[in-house]
Every structure is written in structure tokens, then in C-alpha cells.
Amino acid sequence: MFRLWAKEFSDNRMLCDMTVENEKEDTRTHKIFQALDDVCYAFDLGKPIWLDANIREFKRHAKTRFTQDNFVEQIAFDYLEIQVIEED
């Protein structure tokens, strides 16, 4: 089981969150990108751009934040945080 937790924050308050589960036999990278696609669809967001800092942070902590710099369009919150909370 693979689970990813996504949260939107504004002024250090969580606006909304969701957990995405994936039980398919796939690579970790594909599961992460599919979960991020599901989150963006549910939150009505464009897909964020992975910058080098996001990749390093995600590799190190299985968690990263996407700020306005990661999105092409304007966002109505401070950042989107994703975190892997379970994987086998």
C-alpha cells in the first residue's frame, strides 16, 4: 500500500487536505506522480513544476512543499505540501 498526504496551507493554517492511496504494482516515482495528479485534480490546481530543491527535499525526507514559484498560474494559498506516509 502506498499513501500520500497532501495539504494546502495559508498563514500557517491548513485549508484542506486529502490522502491518496495506490495499491497498484508500479514504481515509486509513478505512484508519486499519479497521486500528485489526483491531488491537483481534486484541489482544482495546475500541476506544479518540480524544482531541484523540491527533488532534493523529497529524496531526503519523503516530503516537499510547492510554493507559488512551482505553479504557472496564481494560487490562493501559501504552499501545497505532499508527504509519503506509507509505502511497502
PDB file of N, CA and C in Angstrom:
ATOM      1  N   MET A   1       0.852  -1.186   0.000  1.00  0.00           N
ATOM      2  CA  MET A   1       0.000   0.000   0.000  1.00  0.00           C
ATOM      3  C   MET A   1       0.891   1.240   0.000  1.00  0.00           C
ATOM      4  N   PHE A   2       0.560   2.170  -0.846  1.00  0.00           N
ATOM      5  CA  PHE A   2       1.249   3.464  -0.937  1.00  0.00           C
ATOM      6  C   PHE A   2       0.223   4.529  -0.599  1.00  0.00           C
ATOM      7  N   ARG A   3       0.587   5.435   0.321  1.00  0.00           N
ATOM      8  CA  ARG A   3      -0.312   6.537   0.664  1.00  0.00           C
ATOM      9  C   ARG A   3       0.466   7.841   0.684  1.00  0.00           C
ATOM     10  N   LEU A   4      -0.132   8.865   0.086  1.00  0.00           N
ATOM     11  CA  LEU A   4       0.458  10.196   0.043  1.00  0.00           C
ATOM     12  C   LEU A   4      -0.554  11.168   0.646  1.00  0.00           C
ATOM     13  N   TRP A   5      -0.062  12.036   1.516  1.00  0.00           N
ATOM     14  CA  TRP A   5      -0.913  13.035   2.173  1.00  0.00           C
ATOM     15  C   TRP A   5      -0.582  14.395   1.576  1.00  0.00           C
ATOM     16  N   ALA A   6      -1.596  15.095   1.105  1.00  0.00           N
ATOM     17  CA  ALA A   6      -1.424  16.427   0.512  1.00  0.00           C
ATOM     18  C   ALA A   6      -2.213  17.438   1.339  1.00  0.00           C
ATOM     19  N   LYS A   7      -1.592  18.619   1.564  1.00  0.00           N
ATOM     20  CA  LYS A   7      -2.219  19.649   2.396  1.00  0.00           C
ATOM     21  C   LYS A   7      -1.965  21.019   1.786  1.00  0.00           C
ATOM     22  N   GLU A   8      -2.986  21.854   1.795  1.00  0.00           N
ATOM     23  CA  GLU A   8      -2.843  23.258   1.393  1.00  0.00           C
ATOM     24  C   GLU A   8      -2.776  24.104   2.658  1.00  0.00           C
ATOM     25  N   PHE A   9      -1.806  25.029   2.689  1.00  0.00           N
ATOM     26  CA  PHE A   9      -1.640  25.910   3.840  1.00  0.00           C
ATOM     27  C   PHE A   9      -1.693  27.372   3.426  1.00  0.00           C
ATOM     28  N   SER A  10      -2.266  28.187   4.305  1.00  0.00           N
ATOM     29  CA  SER A  10      -2.249  29.631   4.152  1.00  0.00           C
ATOM     30  C   SER A  10      -2.158  30.238   5.547  1.00  0.00           C
ATOM     31  N   ASP A  11      -1.223  31.147   5.747  1.00  0.00           N
ATOM     32  CA  ASP A  11      -0.992  31.775   7.062  1.00  0.00           C
ATOM     33  C   ASP A  11      -0.810  30.725   8.163  1.00  0.00           C
ATOM     34  N   ASN A  12      -0.037  29.693   7.870  1.00  0.00           N
ATOM     35  CA  ASN A  12       0.260  28.594   8.807  1.00  0.00           C
ATOM     36  C   ASN A  12      -0.974  27.837   9.279  1.00  0.00           C
ATOM     37  N   ARG A  13      -2.027  27.869   8.489  1.00  0.00           N
ATOM     38  CA  ARG A  13      -3.239  27.109   8.791  1.00  0.00           C
ATOM     39  C   ARG A  13      -3.547  26.190   7.616  1.00  0.00           C
ATOM     40  N   MET A  14      -3.926  24.966   7.956  1.00  0.00           N
ATOM     41  CA  MET A  14      -4.281  24.026   6.907  1.00  0.00           C
ATOM     42  C   MET A  14      -5.673  24.347   6.386  1.00  0.00           C
ATOM     43  N   LEU A  15      -5.759  24.587   5.084  1.00  0.00           N
ATOM     44  CA  LEU A  15      -7.049  24.899   4.461  1.00  0.00           C
ATOM     45  C   LEU A  15      -7.805  23.634   4.092  1.00  0.00           C
ATOM     46  N   CYS A  16      -7.099  22.680   3.524  1.00  0.00           N
ATOM     47  CA  CYS A  16      -7.715  21.412   3.144  1.00  0.00           C
ATOM     48  C   CYS A  16      -6.619  20.360   3.007  1.00  0.00           C
ATOM     49  N   ASP A  17      -7.034  19.117   3.065  1.00  0.00           N
ATOM     50  CA  ASP A  17      -6.082  18.027   2.905  1.00  0.00           C
ATOM     51  C   ASP A  17      -6.794  16.822   2.307  1.00  0.00           C
ATOM     52  N   MET A  18      -6.012  15.900   1.823  1.00  0.00           N
ATOM     53  CA  MET A  18      -6.549  14.639   1.316  1.00  0.00           C
ATOM     54  C   MET A  18      -5.443  13.600   1.310  1.00  0.00           C
ATOM     55  N   THR A  19      -5.847  12.356   1.379  1.00  0.00           N
ATOM     56  CA  THR A  19      -4.912  11.244   1.307  1.00  0.00           C
ATOM     57  C   THR A  19      -5.224  10.448   0.052  1.00  0.00           C
ATOM     58  N   VAL A  20      -4.176  10.107  -0.686  1.00  0.00           N
ATOM     59  CA  VAL A  20      -4.324   9.319  -1.906  1.00  0.00           C
ATOM     60  C   VAL A  20      -3.684   7.962  -1.657  1.00  0.00           C
ATOM     61  N   GLU A  21      -4.435   6.911  -1.939  1.00  0.00           N
ATOM     62  CA  GLU A  21      -3.931   5.552  -1.780  1.00  0.00           C
ATOM     63  C   GLU A  21      -3.744   4.917  -3.149  1.00  0.00           C
ATOM     64  N   ASN A  22      -2.714   4.095  -3.256  1.00  0.00           N
ATOM     65  CA  ASN A  22      -2.428   3.410  -4.510  1.00  0.00           C
ATOM     66  C   ASN A  22      -1.940   2.006  -4.182  1.00  0.00           C
ATOM     67  N   GLU A  23      -2.664   0.998  -4.645  1.00  0.00           N
ATOM     68  CA  GLU A  23      -2.298  -0.390  -4.389  1.00  0.00           C
ATOM     69  C   GLU A  23      -1.748  -1.081  -5.631  1.00  0.00           C
ATOM     70  N   LYS A  24      -1.571  -0.339  -6.706  1.00  0.00           N
ATOM     71  CA  LYS A  24      -1.086  -0.924  -7.956  1.00  0.00           C
ATOM     72  C   LYS A  24       0.381  -1.321  -7.845  1.00  0.00           C
ATOM     73  N   GLU A  25       0.760  -2.291  -8.639  1.00  0.00           N
ATOM     74  CA  GLU A  25       2.168  -2.681  -8.750  1.00  0.00           C
ATOM     75  C   GLU A  25       2.815  -1.739  -9.762  1.00  0.00           C
ATOM     76  N   ASP A  26       3.503  -0.744  -9.271  1.00  0.00           N
ATOM     77  CA  ASP A  26       4.125   0.263 -10.122  1.00  0.00           C
ATOM     78  C   ASP A  26       5.360   0.788  -9.393  1.00  0.00           C
ATOM     79  N   THR A  27       6.155   1.596 -10.072  1.00  0.00           N
ATOM     80  CA  THR A  27       7.335   2.161  -9.430  1.00  0.00           C
ATOM     81  C   THR A  27       6.913   3.266  -8.457  1.00  0.00           C
ATOM     82  N   ARG A  28       7.779   3.563  -7.520  1.00  0.00           N
ATOM     83  CA  ARG A  28       7.501   4.615  -6.538  1.00  0.00           C
ATOM     84  C   ARG A  28       7.286   5.952  -7.238  1.00  0.00           C
ATOM     85  N   THR A  29       8.110   6.246  -8.212  1.00  0.00           N
ATOM     86  CA  THR A  29       8.008   7.512  -8.939  1.00  0.00           C
ATOM     87  C   THR A  29       6.655   7.631  -9.633  1.00  0.00           C
ATOM     88  N   HIS A  30       6.203   6.577 -10.294  1.00  0.00           N
ATOM     89  CA  HIS A  30       4.903   6.623 -10.965  1.00  0.00           C
ATOM     90  C   HIS A  30       3.772   6.808  -9.959  1.00  0.00           C
ATOM     91  N   LYS A  31       3.889   6.156  -8.800  1.00  0.00           N
ATOM     92  CA  LYS A  31       2.859   6.308  -7.770  1.00  0.00           C
ATOM     93  C   LYS A  31       2.811   7.745  -7.254  1.00  0.00           C
ATOM     94  N   ILE A  32       3.970   8.358  -7.077  1.00  0.00           N
ATOM     95  CA  ILE A  32       4.024   9.746  -6.591  1.00  0.00           C
ATOM     96  C   ILE A  32       3.399  10.697  -7.606  1.00  0.00           C
ATOM     97  N   PHE A  33       3.780  10.549  -8.876  1.00  0.00           N
ATOM     98  CA  PHE A  33       3.236  11.441  -9.905  1.00  0.00           C
ATOM     99  C   PHE A  33       1.734  11.230 -10.096  1.00  0.00           C
ATOM    100  N   GLN A  34       1.267   9.982 -10.028  1.00  0.00           N
ATOM    101  CA  GLN A  34      -0.166   9.715 -10.154  1.00  0.00           C
ATOM    102  C   GLN A  34      -0.924  10.308  -8.973  1.00  0.00           C
ATOM    103  N   ALA A  35      -0.376  10.169  -7.769  1.00  0.00           N
ATOM    104  CA  ALA A  35      -1.019  10.741  -6.587  1.00  0.00           C
ATOM    105  C   ALA A  35      -1.066  12.259  -6.676  1.00  0.00           C
ATOM    106  N   LEU A  36       0.017  12.879  -7.144  1.00  0.00           N
ATOM    107  CA  LEU A  36       0.046  14.334  -7.299  1.00  0.00           C
ATOM    108  C   LEU A  36      -0.974  14.786  -8.350  1.00  0.00           C
ATOM    109  N   ASP A  37      -1.126  14.030  -9.420  1.00  0.00           N
ATOM    110  CA  ASP A  37      -2.161  14.335 -10.417  1.00  0.00           C
ATOM    111  C   ASP A  37      -3.551  14.284  -9.790  1.00  0.00           C
ATOM    112  N   ASP A  38      -3.803  13.254  -8.961  1.00  0.00           N
ATOM    113  CA  ASP A  38      -5.106  13.121  -8.295  1.00  0.00           C
ATOM    114  C   ASP A  38      -5.362  14.291  -7.349  1.00  0.00           C
ATOM    115  N   VAL A  39      -4.333  14.708  -6.627  1.00  0.00           N
ATOM    116  CA  VAL A  39      -4.456  15.842  -5.705  1.00  0.00           C
ATOM    117  C   VAL A  39      -4.769  17.122  -6.480  1.00  0.00           C
ATOM    118  N   CYS A  40      -4.026  17.368  -7.550  1.00  0.00           N
ATOM    119  CA  CYS A  40      -4.242  18.588  -8.335  1.00  0.00           C
ATOM    120  C   CYS A  40      -5.637  18.612  -8.942  1.00  0.00           C
ATOM    121  N   TYR A  41      -6.127  17.465  -9.367  1.00  0.00           N
ATOM    122  CA  TYR A  41      -7.483  17.391  -9.913  1.00  0.00           C
ATOM    123  C   TYR A  41      -8.510  17.693  -8.813  1.00  0.00           C
ATOM    124  N   ALA A  42      -8.333  17.088  -7.647  1.00  0.00           N
ATOM    125  CA  ALA A  42      -9.283  17.285  -6.544  1.00  0.00           C
ATOM    126  C   ALA A  42      -9.272  18.721  -6.030  1.00  0.00           C
ATOM    127  N   PHE A  43      -8.093  19.340  -5.968  1.00  0.00           N
ATOM    128  CA  PHE A  43      -7.970  20.713  -5.473  1.00  0.00           C
ATOM    129  C   PHE A  43      -8.123  21.757  -6.583  1.00  0.00           C
ATOM    130  N   ASP A  44      -8.372  21.315  -7.816  1.00  0.00           N
ATOM    131  CA  ASP A  44      -8.522  22.187  -8.982  1.00  0.00           C
ATOM    132  C   ASP A  44      -7.287  23.075  -9.179  1.00  0.00           C
ATOM    133  N   LEU A  45      -6.128  22.418  -9.256  1.00  0.00           N
ATOM    134  CA  LEU A  45      -4.849  23.111  -9.433  1.00  0.00           C
ATOM    135  C   LEU A  45      -4.168  22.641 -10.704  1.00  0.00           C
ATOM    136  N   GLY A  46      -3.310  23.501 -11.228  1.00  0.00           N
ATOM    137  CA  GLY A  46      -2.411  23.074 -12.286  1.00  0.00           C
ATOM    138  C   GLY A  46      -1.301  22.244 -11.664  1.00  0.00           C
ATOM    139  N   LYS A  47      -0.642  21.443 -12.459  1.00  0.00           N
ATOM    140  CA  LYS A  47       0.438  20.607 -11.924  1.00  0.00           C
ATOM    141  C   LYS A  47       1.645  21.474 -11.585  1.00  0.00           C
ATOM    142  N   PRO A  48       2.206  21.274 -10.405  1.00  0.00           N
ATOM    143  CA  PRO A  48       3.391  22.049 -10.022  1.00  0.00           C
ATOM    144  C   PRO A  48       4.639  21.561 -10.754  1.00  0.00           C
ATOM    145  N   ILE A  49       5.585  22.453 -10.893  1.00  0.00           N
ATOM    146  CA  ILE A  49       6.866  22.135 -11.512  1.00  0.00           C
ATOM    147  C   ILE A  49       7.819  21.703 -10.413  1.00  0.00           C
ATOM    148  N   TRP A  50       8.476  20.556 -10.611  1.00  0.00           N
ATOM    149  CA  TRP A  50       9.448  20.065  -9.635  1.00  0.00           C
ATOM    150  C   TRP A  50      10.768  20.784  -9.850  1.00  0.00           C
ATOM    151  N   LEU A  51      11.149  21.641  -8.918  1.00  0.00           N
ATOM    152  CA  LEU A  51      12.441  22.306  -8.975  1.00  0.00           C
ATOM    153  C   LEU A  51      13.482  21.420  -8.285  1.00  0.00           C
ATOM    154  N   ASP A  52      14.755  21.715  -8.500  1.00  0.00           N
ATOM    155  CA  ASP A  52      15.824  20.907  -7.900  1.00  0.00           C
ATOM    156  C   ASP A  52      15.707  20.841  -6.380  1.00  0.00           C
ATOM    157  N   ALA A  53      15.321  21.940  -5.765  1.00  0.00           N
ATOM    158  CA  ALA A  53      15.173  21.966  -4.307  1.00  0.00           C
ATOM    159  C   ALA A  53      14.066  21.007  -3.856  1.00  0.00           C
ATOM    160  N   ASN A  54      12.972  20.933  -4.619  1.00  0.00           N
ATOM    161  CA  ASN A  54      11.890  20.008  -4.279  1.00  0.00           C
ATOM    162  C   ASN A  54      12.352  18.555  -4.383  1.00  0.00           C
ATOM    163  N   ILE A  55      13.098  18.258  -5.418  1.00  0.00           N
ATOM    164  CA  ILE A  55      13.583  16.890  -5.624  1.00  0.00           C
ATOM    165  C   ILE A  55      14.513  16.481  -4.488  1.00  0.00           C
ATOM    166  N   ARG A  56      15.455  17.368  -4.127  1.00  0.00           N
ATOM    167  CA  ARG A  56      16.381  17.062  -3.031  1.00  0.00           C
ATOM    168  C   ARG A  56      15.634  16.839  -1.715  1.00  0.00           C
ATOM    169  N   GLU A  57      14.699  17.738  -1.415  1.00  0.00           N
ATOM    170  CA  GLU A  57      13.942  17.641  -0.172  1.00  0.00           C
ATOM    171  C   GLU A  57      13.099  16.360  -0.146  1.00  0.00           C
ATOM    172  N   PHE A  58      12.493  16.020  -1.281  1.00  0.00           N
ATOM    173  CA  PHE A  58      11.651  14.834  -1.324  1.00  0.00           C
ATOM    174  C   PHE A  58      12.481  13.558  -1.190  1.00  0.00           C
ATOM    175  N   LYS A  59      13.637  13.535  -1.802  1.00  0.00           N
ATOM    176  CA  LYS A  59      14.514  12.370  -1.669  1.00  0.00           C
ATOM    177  C   LYS A  59      14.974  12.196  -0.225  1.00  0.00           C
ATOM    178  N   ARG A  60      15.236  13.292   0.442  1.00  0.00           N
ATOM    179  CA  ARG A  60      15.769  13.256   1.801  1.00  0.00           C
ATOM    180  C   ARG A  60      14.705  12.932   2.851  1.00  0.00           C
ATOM    181  N   HIS A  61      13.502  13.513   2.695  1.00  0.00           N
ATOM    182  CA  HIS A  61      12.503  13.425   3.758  1.00  0.00           C
ATOM    183  C   HIS A  61      11.170  12.807   3.332  1.00  0.00           C
ATOM    184  N   ALA A  62      11.022  12.435   2.058  1.00  0.00           N
ATOM    185  CA  ALA A  62       9.750  11.936   1.512  1.00  0.00           C
ATOM    186  C   ALA A  62       8.643  12.974   1.710  1.00  0.00           C
ATOM    187  N   LYS A  63       9.037  14.250   1.635  1.00  0.00           N
ATOM    188  CA  LYS A  63       8.108  15.354   1.866  1.00  0.00           C
ATOM    189  C   LYS A  63       8.658  16.594   1.162  1.00  0.00           C
ATOM    190  N   THR A  64       7.774  17.395   0.563  1.00  0.00           N
ATOM    191  CA  THR A  64       8.208  18.652  -0.048  1.00  0.00           C
ATOM    192  C   THR A  64       7.044  19.637  -0.088  1.00  0.00           C
ATOM    193  N   ARG A  65       7.384  20.899  -0.312  1.00  0.00           N
ATOM    194  CA  ARG A  65       6.388  21.967  -0.419  1.00  0.00           C
ATOM    195  C   ARG A  65       6.495  22.628  -1.786  1.00  0.00           C
ATOM    196  N   PHE A  66       5.343  22.865  -2.376  1.00  0.00           N
ATOM    197  CA  PHE A  66       5.269  23.591  -3.638  1.00  0.00           C
ATOM    198  C   PHE A  66       4.690  24.975  -3.355  1.00  0.00           C
ATOM    199  N   THR A  67       5.464  26.014  -3.636  1.00  0.00           N
ATOM    200  CA  THR A  67       5.025  27.398  -3.419  1.00  0.00           C
ATOM    201  C   THR A  67       4.616  28.013  -4.758  1.00  0.00           C
ATOM    202  N   GLN A  68       4.358  29.304  -4.748  1.00  0.00           N
ATOM    203  CA  GLN A  68       3.967  29.995  -5.976  1.00  0.00           C
ATOM    204  C   GLN A  68       5.004  29.813  -7.081  1.00  0.00           C
ATOM    205  N   ASP A  69       6.273  29.693  -6.730  1.00  0.00           N
ATOM    206  CA  ASP A  69       7.334  29.509  -7.722  1.00  0.00           C
ATOM    207  C   ASP A  69       7.174  28.225  -8.531  1.00  0.00           C
ATOM    208  N   ASN A  70       6.457  27.253  -7.985  1.00  0.00           N
ATOM    209  CA  ASN A  70       6.286  25.972  -8.651  1.00  0.00           C
ATOM    210  C   ASN A  70       5.072  25.927  -9.574  1.00  0.00           C
ATOM    211  N   PHE A  71       4.220  26.921  -9.509  1.00  0.00           N
ATOM    212  CA  PHE A  71       2.995  26.934 -10.303  1.00  0.00           C
ATOM    213  C   PHE A  71       3.053  28.023 -11.364  1.00  0.00           C
ATOM    214  N   VAL A  72       2.481  27.743 -12.511  1.00  0.00           N
ATOM    215  CA  VAL A  72       2.425  28.730 -13.594  1.00  0.00           C
ATOM    216  C   VAL A  72       1.342  29.762 -13.288  1.00  0.00           C
ATOM    217  N   GLU A  73       0.170  29.285 -12.845  1.00  0.00           N
ATOM    218  CA  GLU A  73      -0.926  30.199 -12.539  1.00  0.00           C
ATOM    219  C   GLU A  73      -0.844  30.661 -11.083  1.00  0.00           C
ATOM    220  N   GLN A  74      -1.605  31.674 -10.759  1.00  0.00           N
ATOM    221  CA  GLN A  74      -1.656  32.207  -9.397  1.00  0.00           C
ATOM    222  C   GLN A  74      -2.370  31.214  -8.494  1.00  0.00           C
ATOM    223  N   ILE A  75      -1.873  31.033  -7.271  1.00  0.00           N
ATOM    224  CA  ILE A  75      -2.523  30.146  -6.313  1.00  0.00           C
ATOM    225  C   ILE A  75      -3.095  30.969  -5.164  1.00  0.00           C
ATOM    226  N   ALA A  76      -4.154  30.457  -4.541  1.00  0.00           N
ATOM    227  CA  ALA A  76      -4.855  31.193  -3.483  1.00  0.00           C
ATOM    228  C   ALA A  76      -4.430  30.738  -2.090  1.00  0.00           C
ATOM    229  N   PHE A  77      -3.256  30.156  -1.968  1.00  0.00           N
ATOM    230  CA  PHE A  77      -2.746  29.682  -0.694  1.00  0.00           C
ATOM    231  C   PHE A  77      -1.236  29.881  -0.692  1.00  0.00           C
ATOM    232  N   ASP A  78      -0.584  29.626   0.439  1.00  0.00           N
ATOM    233  CA  ASP A  78       0.862  29.846   0.531  1.00  0.00           C
ATOM    234  C   ASP A  78       1.666  28.701  -0.063  1.00  0.00           C
ATOM    235  N   TYR A  79       1.287  27.467   0.259  1.00  0.00           N
ATOM    236  CA  TYR A  79       2.014  26.328  -0.302  1.00  0.00           C
ATOM    237  C   TYR A  79       1.189  25.049  -0.227  1.00  0.00           C
ATOM    238  N   LEU A  80       1.538  24.123  -1.099  1.00  0.00           N
ATOM    239  CA  LEU A  80       0.971  22.776  -1.123  1.00  0.00           C
ATOM    240  C   LEU A  80       2.076  21.843  -0.640  1.00  0.00           C
ATOM    241  N   GLU A  81       1.784  21.071   0.381  1.00  0.00           N
ATOM    242  CA  GLU A  81       2.767  20.149   0.927  1.00  0.00           C
ATOM    243  C   GLU A  81       2.326  18.725   0.646  1.00  0.00           C
ATOM    244  N   ILE A  82       3.254  17.896   0.154  1.00  0.00           N
ATOM    245  CA  ILE A  82       2.953  16.485  -0.040  1.00  0.00           C
ATOM    246  C   ILE A  82       3.949  15.680   0.797  1.00  0.00           C
ATOM    247  N   GLN A  83       3.452  14.547   1.303  1.00  0.00           N
ATOM    248  CA  GLN A  83       4.284  13.698   2.151  1.00  0.00           C
ATOM    249  C   GLN A  83       3.850  12.248   1.975  1.00  0.00           C
ATOM    250  N   VAL A  84       4.823  11.382   1.747  1.00  0.00           N
ATOM    251  CA  VAL A  84       4.550   9.951   1.684  1.00  0.00           C
ATOM    252  C   VAL A  84       4.406   9.473   3.128  1.00  0.00           C
ATOM    253  N   ILE A  85       3.246   8.879   3.448  1.00  0.00           N
ATOM    254  CA  ILE A  85       3.015   8.439   4.832  1.00  0.00           C
ATOM    255  C   ILE A  85       3.041   6.920   4.970  1.00  0.00           C
ATOM    256  N   GLU A  86       3.004   6.211   3.847  1.00  0.00           N
ATOM    257  CA  GLU A  86       3.099   4.753   3.918  1.00  0.00           C
ATOM    258  C   GLU A  86       3.525   4.208   2.569  1.00  0.00           C
ATOM    259  N   GLU A  87       4.467   3.297   2.608  1.00  0.00           N
ATOM    260  CA  GLU A  87       4.837   2.564   1.410  1.00  0.00           C
ATOM    261  C   GLU A  87       5.422   1.226   1.805  1.00  0.00           C
ATOM    262  N   ASP A  88       5.197   0.211   0.924  1.00  0.00           N
ATOM    263  CA  ASP A  88       5.763  -1.088   1.242  1.00  0.00           C
ATOM    264  C   ASP A  88       6.835  -1.467   0.282  1.00  0.00           C
TER     265      ASP A  88
END
